[in-house]
Amino acid sequence: MKKLFFRFWMAAVSGIFAAGCGKDAGVSGVASDATLGLCKSYYRQCIDPIFYKSLTRTDGAVKQCIECHRGGPGKSFQLSTADKSTNEYWLGSYQTAHDMALDGVNSKLLLKPLGQLAHGGGQFFANTTNADYLVIKVWIDNPDPLNTNGDFQPASDTAYCQAVLAANPC
């Protein structure tokens, strides 16, 4: 058991140091993996606000993601309806977004608002240079090698996630 723990610990630490070899202040370049959690502090500060702000679709209509994705017709991507001051809200919404982000640049979280997959809400991102697209892509491209997807507490984010946020402010 000690050997297994040691191997896991060494693999995790090696992943952090290897991630430092990438560009963008040493915090990018880690491939997305379904077994890894994404940075919770980045979700809270950068991703969740996108779902609540008014976005202009490519046809000129102004909408908010929560109109359909918080108890509405957007059933495949439902944000939590719990109070935002609760851990239940943050963990529920984070997990929903995390699950839609598992395929990297081919994730539904990027492709649906880009119009490359059917999206009942329409096309929000005209191209991959859209500011919100890029914010979501940073989150997806930088999974936390030590995140176990447990309790949603910003303090549980690793130094790696804090570095991602510092290097890529939203």
Protein backbone atom coordinates (compact mmCIF):
# COMPACT_ATOMS: atom_id res chain seq x y z
CA MET A 1 0.00 0.00 0.00
CA LYS A 2 2.85 2.38 0.81
CA LYS A 3 4.42 1.66 -2.58
CA LEU A 4 1.14 2.41 -4.35
CA PHE A 5 0.70 5.70 -2.48
CA PHE A 6 4.32 6.65 -3.15
CA ARG A 7 3.94 5.93 -6.87
CA PHE A 8 0.75 8.01 -7.04
CA TRP A 9 2.40 10.86 -5.14
CA MET A 10 5.49 10.76 -7.39
CA ALA A 11 3.33 10.72 -10.54
CA ALA A 12 1.34 13.72 -9.31
CA VAL A 13 4.43 15.70 -8.34
CA SER A 14 6.11 14.81 -11.64
CA GLY A 15 3.03 16.07 -13.47
CA ILE A 16 3.25 19.42 -11.71
CA PHE A 17 6.92 19.84 -12.56
CA ALA A 18 6.39 18.66 -16.14
CA ALA A 19 3.57 21.17 -16.52
CA GLY A 20 6.12 23.87 -15.74
CA CYS A 21 7.82 23.11 -19.08
CA GLY A 22 4.87 24.51 -21.04
CA LYS A 23 4.38 28.06 -22.25
CA ASP A 24 2.23 30.79 -20.66
CA ALA A 25 4.09 31.19 -17.40
CA GLY A 26 4.50 27.44 -17.06
CA VAL A 27 0.88 26.56 -16.52
CA SER A 28 -0.42 25.24 -19.82
CA GLY A 29 0.15 22.19 -21.93
CA VAL A 30 -1.35 19.48 -19.71
CA ALA A 31 -3.70 17.31 -21.72
CA SER A 32 -7.28 17.09 -20.52
CA ASP A 33 -8.10 13.76 -18.90
CA ALA A 34 -11.45 12.51 -17.62
CA THR A 35 -9.76 11.35 -14.41
CA LEU A 36 -8.49 14.83 -13.59
CA GLY A 37 -10.52 17.58 -12.06
CA LEU A 38 -10.42 21.06 -13.46
CA CYS A 39 -9.40 24.05 -11.37
CA LYS A 40 -12.22 25.04 -9.03
CA SER A 41 -10.99 28.57 -8.32
CA TYR A 42 -10.77 29.25 -12.07
CA TYR A 43 -14.31 27.88 -12.49
CA ARG A 44 -15.66 30.10 -9.72
CA GLN A 45 -13.93 33.28 -10.85
CA CYS A 46 -13.95 32.89 -14.63
CA ILE A 47 -16.29 30.19 -15.95
CA ASP A 48 -19.43 30.46 -13.80
CA PRO A 49 -19.83 34.22 -14.48
CA ILE A 50 -20.04 33.49 -18.23
CA PHE A 51 -23.25 31.52 -17.64
CA TYR A 52 -24.90 34.52 -15.93
CA LYS A 53 -23.84 37.43 -18.11
CA SER A 54 -25.68 38.68 -21.17
CA LEU A 55 -24.11 37.27 -24.32
CA THR A 56 -24.83 38.41 -27.85
CA ARG A 57 -25.51 35.57 -30.25
CA THR A 58 -24.20 35.76 -33.80
CA ASP A 59 -27.75 36.65 -34.95
CA GLY A 60 -27.74 39.69 -32.63
CA ALA A 61 -30.08 38.31 -29.94
CA VAL A 62 -28.92 38.86 -26.36
CA LYS A 63 -29.34 35.90 -24.01
CA GLN A 64 -27.96 34.39 -20.82
CA CYS A 65 -26.95 30.72 -20.61
CA ILE A 66 -28.97 30.34 -17.40
CA GLU A 67 -32.20 31.07 -19.30
CA CYS A 68 -32.08 27.51 -20.63
CA HIS A 69 -29.48 25.80 -18.48
CA ARG A 70 -30.85 26.47 -15.00
CA GLY A 71 -34.12 24.59 -14.92
CA GLY A 72 -35.03 25.33 -18.55
CA PRO A 73 -34.98 23.39 -21.81
CA GLY A 74 -31.17 22.93 -21.94
CA LYS A 75 -31.45 19.52 -20.29
CA SER A 76 -28.05 18.10 -21.25
CA PHE A 77 -26.27 20.90 -19.37
CA GLN A 78 -28.10 21.88 -16.19
CA LEU A 79 -26.50 24.34 -13.79
CA SER A 80 -27.40 23.94 -10.15
CA THR A 81 -30.58 25.65 -8.95
CA ALA A 82 -29.26 25.77 -5.38
CA ASP A 83 -28.44 29.08 -3.72
CA LYS A 84 -25.07 30.41 -4.97
CA SER A 85 -23.90 30.84 -1.38
CA THR A 86 -23.98 27.07 -0.84
CA ASN A 87 -21.40 24.38 -1.48
CA GLU A 88 -24.22 22.44 -3.22
CA TYR A 89 -24.48 25.12 -5.92
CA TRP A 90 -20.76 25.32 -6.59
CA LEU A 91 -20.12 21.59 -6.64
CA GLY A 92 -23.22 20.90 -8.78
CA SER A 93 -22.52 23.58 -11.38
CA TYR A 94 -18.78 22.82 -11.43
CA GLN A 95 -19.43 19.11 -11.95
CA THR A 96 -21.91 19.78 -14.77
CA ALA A 97 -19.46 22.05 -16.59
CA HIS A 98 -16.56 19.68 -15.86
CA ASP A 99 -18.44 16.77 -17.42
CA MET A 100 -19.14 18.82 -20.58
CA ALA A 101 -15.45 19.79 -20.83
CA LEU A 102 -13.84 16.35 -20.86
CA ASP A 103 -12.97 16.23 -24.57
CA GLY A 104 -10.64 19.23 -24.64
CA VAL A 105 -11.12 21.42 -27.72
CA ASN A 106 -13.79 18.94 -28.87
CA SER A 107 -15.84 19.42 -25.71
CA LYS A 108 -19.51 20.32 -25.90
CA LEU A 109 -18.78 23.28 -23.63
CA LEU A 110 -16.78 24.84 -26.49
CA LEU A 111 -18.42 23.41 -29.61
CA LYS A 112 -22.11 24.08 -28.85
CA PRO A 113 -21.83 27.87 -28.36
CA LEU A 114 -19.40 27.93 -31.30
CA GLY A 115 -22.12 26.45 -33.52
CA GLN A 116 -20.12 23.34 -34.40
CA LEU A 117 -22.60 21.08 -32.57
CA ALA A 118 -26.37 21.51 -32.48
CA HIS A 119 -27.29 24.02 -29.75
CA GLY A 120 -30.90 24.99 -29.17
CA GLY A 121 -29.80 28.35 -27.79
CA GLY A 122 -28.05 29.36 -30.99
CA GLN A 123 -24.48 30.32 -31.79
CA PHE A 124 -22.79 32.59 -29.26
CA PHE A 125 -19.14 32.40 -30.32
CA ALA A 126 -18.45 33.51 -33.90
CA ASN A 127 -15.00 31.91 -33.83
CA THR A 128 -12.28 30.54 -31.56
CA THR A 129 -10.94 34.03 -30.84
CA ASN A 130 -14.08 34.96 -28.85
CA ALA A 131 -12.99 36.10 -25.37
CA ASP A 132 -15.39 33.75 -23.53
CA TYR A 133 -14.34 30.82 -25.72
CA LEU A 134 -10.70 31.50 -24.79
CA VAL A 135 -11.49 31.71 -21.06
CA ILE A 136 -13.27 28.34 -21.19
CA LYS A 137 -10.42 26.85 -23.23
CA VAL A 138 -7.83 27.91 -20.62
CA TRP A 139 -9.88 26.08 -17.96
CA ILE A 140 -10.14 22.94 -20.09
CA ASP A 141 -6.48 23.00 -21.14
CA ASN A 142 -5.20 23.17 -17.56
CA PRO A 143 -6.60 20.29 -15.48
CA ASP A 144 -5.40 20.13 -11.90
CA PRO A 145 -3.25 16.99 -11.50
CA LEU A 146 -4.10 16.81 -7.78
CA ASN A 147 -7.83 17.62 -7.87
CA THR A 148 -9.98 14.76 -6.64
CA ASN A 149 -13.29 16.54 -7.43
CA GLY A 150 -14.23 16.42 -3.77
CA ASP A 151 -15.73 19.18 -1.69
CA PHE A 152 -15.94 22.47 -3.61
CA GLN A 153 -13.80 24.73 -1.50
CA PRO A 154 -11.51 27.26 -3.20
CA ALA A 155 -8.90 26.50 -0.53
CA SER A 156 -8.77 22.93 -1.84
CA ASP A 157 -7.33 24.19 -5.13
CA THR A 158 -3.67 23.48 -5.55
CA ALA A 159 -0.84 25.91 -6.14
CA TYR A 160 -1.03 24.77 -9.76
CA CYS A 161 -4.57 26.17 -10.08
CA GLN A 162 -3.57 29.41 -8.42
CA ALA A 163 -0.77 29.72 -10.99
CA VAL A 164 -3.22 29.05 -13.85
CA LEU A 165 -5.49 31.83 -12.56
CA ALA A 166 -2.58 34.24 -12.05
CA ALA A 167 -1.23 33.60 -15.56
CA ASN A 168 -4.68 33.72 -17.21
CA PRO A 169 -6.87 36.27 -15.44
CA CYS A 170 -10.42 36.46 -16.69
